[in-house]
Amino acid sequence: MLTMGSLFDGIGGFPLAAVRSGITPVWASEIEAFPIEVTKHRFPGMIHAGDITKLDGAELPPVDIICGGSPCQDLSVAGARAGLSGARSGLFMEQIRIVKEMRNADMEGGRTGLAVRPRWMCWENVPYVLQRIRYVMIRNKLCTAWIFLRKCVFIS
C-alpha cells in the first residue's frame, strides 16, 4: 500500500486523488483555517501538521509520496516573475527541505536504496516552472538525469 503526505494542501485535492487511486493520505500541511476544516471533514484520519516552515521532515510519519502545489504568484505570467527566489513561490524550497529531511531520517533508520522514503515527489505549479525545475532538482540531488524530468508529469 502506498502512502502520501500533502504539502500546501488547500482543500485536499491531492489526498482526494490519492484515495481514488488506492493511495492512503497520511498527513497534510496547510495554514488556512477553512481548507483545514474541509480536509478534516473529508479525511478524518489524516494528520494535520500545520505550517510547512515549522515542520521537521524527520519527525513526520514517513510516506512514499510527497505532493504539493506551492504558491505560484512569483512564477505566474500574471506576476512579477521573481521566480523561486520570490517570497511566496520560494516556499517550494521548503518542500525540497522536507523531502531531504525525511529521506535522511529514513536512511539513518537503516533503509537503503529504493526503500528510502519518500520515493516520489509531485509538484503542481504553473508552466513557467519548467524553465526552472531542472536546475533546482539536480542541485538538490532529487534526480540525477534530465531524462527523468522529461518523463515526469507536470500538472499546470
C-alpha atoms as a PDB file:
ATOM      1  CA  MET A   1       0.000   0.000   0.000  1.00  0.00           C
ATOM      2  CA  LEU A   2       1.375   3.397  -0.997  1.00  0.00           C
ATOM      3  CA  THR A   3       1.114   6.344   1.385  1.00  0.00           C
ATOM      4  CA  MET A   4       1.162  10.091   0.763  1.00  0.00           C
ATOM      5  CA  GLY A   5       1.838  13.381   2.528  1.00  0.00           C
ATOM      6  CA  SER A   6       0.367  16.608   1.149  1.00  0.00           C
ATOM      7  CA  LEU A   7       2.118  19.980   1.443  1.00  0.00           C
ATOM      8  CA  PHE A   8       0.296  23.245   0.624  1.00  0.00           C
ATOM      9  CA  ASP A   9      -2.771  21.030   0.944  1.00  0.00           C
ATOM     10  CA  GLY A  10      -5.548  23.548   0.306  1.00  0.00           C
ATOM     11  CA  ILE A  11      -8.883  21.704   0.355  1.00  0.00           C
ATOM     12  CA  GLY A  12      -7.293  18.303  -0.153  1.00  0.00           C
ATOM     13  CA  GLY A  13      -7.066  17.842  -3.917  1.00  0.00           C
ATOM     14  CA  PHE A  14      -4.023  15.576  -3.706  1.00  0.00           C
ATOM     15  CA  PRO A  15      -5.494  13.407  -0.904  1.00  0.00           C
ATOM     16  CA  LEU A  16      -8.725  13.050  -2.898  1.00  0.00           C
ATOM     17  CA  ALA A  17      -6.808  11.916  -5.990  1.00  0.00           C
ATOM     18  CA  ALA A  18      -4.734   9.596  -3.803  1.00  0.00           C
ATOM     19  CA  VAL A  19      -7.760   7.877  -2.276  1.00  0.00           C
ATOM     20  CA  ARG A  20      -9.314   7.436  -5.711  1.00  0.00           C
ATOM     21  CA  SER A  21      -6.050   5.803  -6.840  1.00  0.00           C
ATOM     22  CA  GLY A  22      -5.756   3.436  -3.880  1.00  0.00           C
ATOM     23  CA  ILE A  23      -3.121   5.536  -2.065  1.00  0.00           C
ATOM     24  CA  THR A  24      -3.539   6.335   1.631  1.00  0.00           C
ATOM     25  CA  PRO A  25      -3.133  10.017   2.621  1.00  0.00           C
ATOM     26  CA  VAL A  26      -1.347  10.090   5.983  1.00  0.00           C
ATOM     27  CA  TRP A  27      -0.761  13.770   6.726  1.00  0.00           C
ATOM     28  CA  ALA A  28      -1.230  17.266   5.314  1.00  0.00           C
ATOM     29  CA  SER A  29       0.313  20.692   5.816  1.00  0.00           C
ATOM     30  CA  GLU A  30      -1.830  23.805   5.387  1.00  0.00           C
ATOM     31  CA  ILE A  31      -2.087  27.156   7.176  1.00  0.00           C
ATOM     32  CA  GLU A  32      -5.518  28.443   6.142  1.00  0.00           C
ATOM     33  CA  ALA A  33      -8.319  27.610   8.608  1.00  0.00           C
ATOM     34  CA  PHE A  34     -11.182  26.944   6.162  1.00  0.00           C
ATOM     35  CA  PRO A  35      -9.297  24.482   3.927  1.00  0.00           C
ATOM     36  CA  ILE A  36      -8.086  22.637   7.037  1.00  0.00           C
ATOM     37  CA  GLU A  37     -11.697  22.236   8.190  1.00  0.00           C
ATOM     38  CA  VAL A  38     -12.668  20.920   4.741  1.00  0.00           C
ATOM     39  CA  THR A  39      -9.956  18.256   4.796  1.00  0.00           C
ATOM     40  CA  LYS A  40     -10.703  17.333   8.419  1.00  0.00           C
ATOM     41  CA  HIS A  41     -14.264  16.644   7.327  1.00  0.00           C
ATOM     42  CA  ARG A  42     -13.310  14.724   4.157  1.00  0.00           C
ATOM     43  CA  PHE A  43     -10.316  12.863   5.643  1.00  0.00           C
ATOM     44  CA  PRO A  44     -10.912  12.489   9.394  1.00  0.00           C
ATOM     45  CA  GLY A  45      -7.997  10.082   9.842  1.00  0.00           C
ATOM     46  CA  MET A  46      -5.410  12.359   8.218  1.00  0.00           C
ATOM     47  CA  ILE A  47      -2.932  14.175  10.480  1.00  0.00           C
ATOM     48  CA  HIS A  48      -2.822  17.973  10.092  1.00  0.00           C
ATOM     49  CA  ALA A  49       0.803  19.004  10.605  1.00  0.00           C
ATOM     50  CA  GLY A  50       0.479  22.787  10.240  1.00  0.00           C
ATOM     51  CA  ASP A  51       2.805  25.373   8.710  1.00  0.00           C
ATOM     52  CA  ILE A  52       5.407  23.922   6.325  1.00  0.00           C
ATOM     53  CA  THR A  53       8.054  26.385   7.531  1.00  0.00           C
ATOM     54  CA  LYS A  54       7.783  24.936  11.039  1.00  0.00           C
ATOM     55  CA  LEU A  55       7.824  21.237  10.096  1.00  0.00           C
ATOM     56  CA  ASP A  56      10.750  18.893  10.596  1.00  0.00           C
ATOM     57  CA  GLY A  57      10.679  16.200   7.922  1.00  0.00           C
ATOM     58  CA  ALA A  58      12.463  13.775  10.252  1.00  0.00           C
ATOM     59  CA  GLU A  59       9.527  13.985  12.676  1.00  0.00           C
ATOM     60  CA  LEU A  60       6.732  13.487  10.131  1.00  0.00           C
ATOM     61  CA  PRO A  61       5.375   9.975   9.590  1.00  0.00           C
ATOM     62  CA  PRO A  62       7.265   8.521   6.595  1.00  0.00           C
ATOM     63  CA  VAL A  63       5.329   8.355   3.327  1.00  0.00           C
ATOM     64  CA  ASP A  64       6.038   7.021  -0.161  1.00  0.00           C
ATOM     65  CA  ILE A  65       4.857  10.142  -1.989  1.00  0.00           C
ATOM     66  CA  ILE A  66       5.076  13.846  -1.148  1.00  0.00           C
ATOM     67  CA  CYS A  67       2.673  16.059  -3.106  1.00  0.00           C
ATOM     68  CA  GLY A  68       2.392  19.800  -3.075  1.00  0.00           C
ATOM     69  CA  GLY A  69       1.403  22.852  -5.027  1.00  0.00           C
ATOM     70  CA  SER A  70       3.441  25.725  -3.652  1.00  0.00           C
ATOM     71  CA  PRO A  71       2.268  29.317  -4.264  1.00  0.00           C
ATOM     72  CA  CYS A  72       2.642  30.347  -7.906  1.00  0.00           C
ATOM     73  CA  GLN A  73       2.434  34.152  -7.700  1.00  0.00           C
ATOM     74  CA  ASP A  74       6.167  34.665  -8.296  1.00  0.00           C
ATOM     75  CA  LEU A  75       6.165  32.183 -11.197  1.00  0.00           C
ATOM     76  CA  SER A  76       2.964  33.159 -12.971  1.00  0.00           C
ATOM     77  CA  VAL A  77       2.762  35.151 -16.191  1.00  0.00           C
ATOM     78  CA  ALA A  78       0.486  37.496 -14.248  1.00  0.00           C
ATOM     79  CA  GLY A  79       3.135  38.082 -11.573  1.00  0.00           C
ATOM     80  CA  ALA A  80       6.476  39.885 -11.476  1.00  0.00           C
ATOM     81  CA  ARG A  81       8.343  36.619 -12.187  1.00  0.00           C
ATOM     82  CA  ALA A  82      10.598  36.764  -9.144  1.00  0.00           C
ATOM     83  CA  GLY A  83      10.907  33.007  -9.659  1.00  0.00           C
ATOM     84  CA  LEU A  84      11.775  30.520  -6.959  1.00  0.00           C
ATOM     85  CA  SER A  85      13.626  33.242  -5.065  1.00  0.00           C
ATOM     86  CA  GLY A  86      10.334  35.100  -4.570  1.00  0.00           C
ATOM     87  CA  ALA A  87       8.826  35.217  -1.086  1.00  0.00           C
ATOM     88  CA  ARG A  88       5.765  33.122  -1.962  1.00  0.00           C
ATOM     89  CA  SER A  89       6.927  30.755  -4.694  1.00  0.00           C
ATOM     90  CA  GLY A  90      10.198  30.275  -2.844  1.00  0.00           C
ATOM     91  CA  LEU A  91       8.212  28.177  -0.374  1.00  0.00           C
ATOM     92  CA  PHE A  92       8.845  25.366  -2.875  1.00  0.00           C
ATOM     93  CA  MET A  93      12.297  25.128  -1.307  1.00  0.00           C
ATOM     94  CA  GLU A  94      10.548  24.170   1.951  1.00  0.00           C
ATOM     95  CA  GLN A  95       9.075  21.198   0.094  1.00  0.00           C
ATOM     96  CA  ILE A  96      12.584  20.238  -1.020  1.00  0.00           C
ATOM     97  CA  ARG A  97      13.823  20.602   2.585  1.00  0.00           C
ATOM     98  CA  ILE A  98      11.053  18.363   3.950  1.00  0.00           C
ATOM     99  CA  VAL A  99      11.795  15.664   1.339  1.00  0.00           C
ATOM    100  CA  LYS A 100      15.519  15.728   2.144  1.00  0.00           C
ATOM    101  CA  GLU A 101      14.898  15.606   5.901  1.00  0.00           C
ATOM    102  CA  MET A 102      12.518  12.667   5.532  1.00  0.00           C
ATOM    103  CA  ARG A 103      14.932  10.764   3.289  1.00  0.00           C
ATOM    104  CA  ASN A 104      17.866  11.411   5.631  1.00  0.00           C
ATOM    105  CA  ALA A 105      15.836  10.173   8.615  1.00  0.00           C
ATOM    106  CA  ASP A 106      14.843   7.015   6.729  1.00  0.00           C
ATOM    107  CA  MET A 107      18.484   6.326   5.807  1.00  0.00           C
ATOM    108  CA  GLU A 108      19.593   6.933   9.397  1.00  0.00           C
ATOM    109  CA  GLY A 109      16.920   4.418  10.404  1.00  0.00           C
ATOM    110  CA  GLY A 110      18.576   1.779   8.231  1.00  0.00           C
ATOM    111  CA  ARG A 111      16.657   1.944   4.967  1.00  0.00           C
ATOM    112  CA  THR A 112      18.661   1.836   1.769  1.00  0.00           C
ATOM    113  CA  GLY A 113      18.220   2.173  -1.984  1.00  0.00           C
ATOM    114  CA  LEU A 114      14.679   2.257  -3.330  1.00  0.00           C
ATOM    115  CA  ALA A 115      13.240   1.613   0.133  1.00  0.00           C
ATOM    116  CA  VAL A 116      14.161   5.149   1.278  1.00  0.00           C
ATOM    117  CA  ARG A 117      11.046   7.325   1.605  1.00  0.00           C
ATOM    118  CA  PRO A 118       9.639   9.417   0.164  1.00  0.00           C
ATOM    119  CA  ARG A 119      10.278   7.634  -3.090  1.00  0.00           C
ATOM    120  CA  TRP A 120       8.417  10.184  -5.217  1.00  0.00           C
ATOM    121  CA  MET A 121       7.668  13.877  -5.106  1.00  0.00           C
ATOM    122  CA  CYS A 122       4.895  15.508  -7.115  1.00  0.00           C
ATOM    123  CA  TRP A 123       4.868  19.276  -7.540  1.00  0.00           C
ATOM    124  CA  GLU A 124       1.926  21.114  -9.101  1.00  0.00           C
ATOM    125  CA  ASN A 125       2.505  24.610 -10.448  1.00  0.00           C
ATOM    126  CA  VAL A 126       2.307  26.911 -13.495  1.00  0.00           C
ATOM    127  CA  PRO A 127       4.069  26.059 -16.806  1.00  0.00           C
ATOM    128  CA  TYR A 128       6.814  28.668 -16.223  1.00  0.00           C
ATOM    129  CA  VAL A 129       8.396  26.381 -13.620  1.00  0.00           C
ATOM    130  CA  LEU A 130       9.542  24.016 -16.372  1.00  0.00           C
ATOM    131  CA  GLN A 131      12.198  26.606 -17.216  1.00  0.00           C
ATOM    132  CA  ARG A 132      13.498  26.468 -13.627  1.00  0.00           C
ATOM    133  CA  ILE A 133      12.892  22.950 -12.332  1.00  0.00           C
ATOM    134  CA  ARG A 134      15.839  21.093 -13.896  1.00  0.00           C
ATOM    135  CA  TYR A 135      18.445  23.184 -12.090  1.00  0.00           C
ATOM    136  CA  VAL A 136      16.672  23.022  -8.721  1.00  0.00           C
ATOM    137  CA  MET A 137      16.084  19.265  -8.822  1.00  0.00           C
ATOM    138  CA  ILE A 138      19.633  18.390  -9.854  1.00  0.00           C
ATOM    139  CA  ARG A 139      21.210  20.868  -7.421  1.00  0.00           C
ATOM    140  CA  ASN A 140      19.263  19.299  -4.576  1.00  0.00           C
ATOM    141  CA  LYS A 141      20.074  15.753  -5.741  1.00  0.00           C
ATOM    142  CA  LEU A 142      16.425  14.819  -6.115  1.00  0.00           C
ATOM    143  CA  CYS A 143      17.013  13.274  -9.502  1.00  0.00           C
ATOM    144  CA  THR A 144      20.145  12.513 -11.422  1.00  0.00           C
ATOM    145  CA  ALA A 145      19.234  12.983 -15.044  1.00  0.00           C
ATOM    146  CA  TRP A 146      17.242  15.375 -17.202  1.00  0.00           C
ATOM    147  CA  ILE A 147      15.704  12.394 -18.986  1.00  0.00           C
ATOM    148  CA  PHE A 148      13.907  11.580 -15.711  1.00  0.00           C
ATOM    149  CA  LEU A 149      12.416  15.064 -15.566  1.00  0.00           C
ATOM    150  CA  ARG A 150      11.251  14.882 -19.148  1.00  0.00           C
ATOM    151  CA  LYS A 151       9.244  11.781 -18.261  1.00  0.00           C
ATOM    152  CA  CYS A 152       7.595  13.336 -15.188  1.00  0.00           C
ATOM    153  CA  VAL A 153       4.027  14.506 -15.430  1.00  0.00           C
ATOM    154  CA  PHE A 154       3.677  18.174 -14.579  1.00  0.00           C
ATOM    155  CA  ILE A 155       0.219  19.469 -13.764  1.00  0.00           C
ATOM    156  CA  SER A 156      -0.412  23.095 -14.624  1.00  0.00           C
END
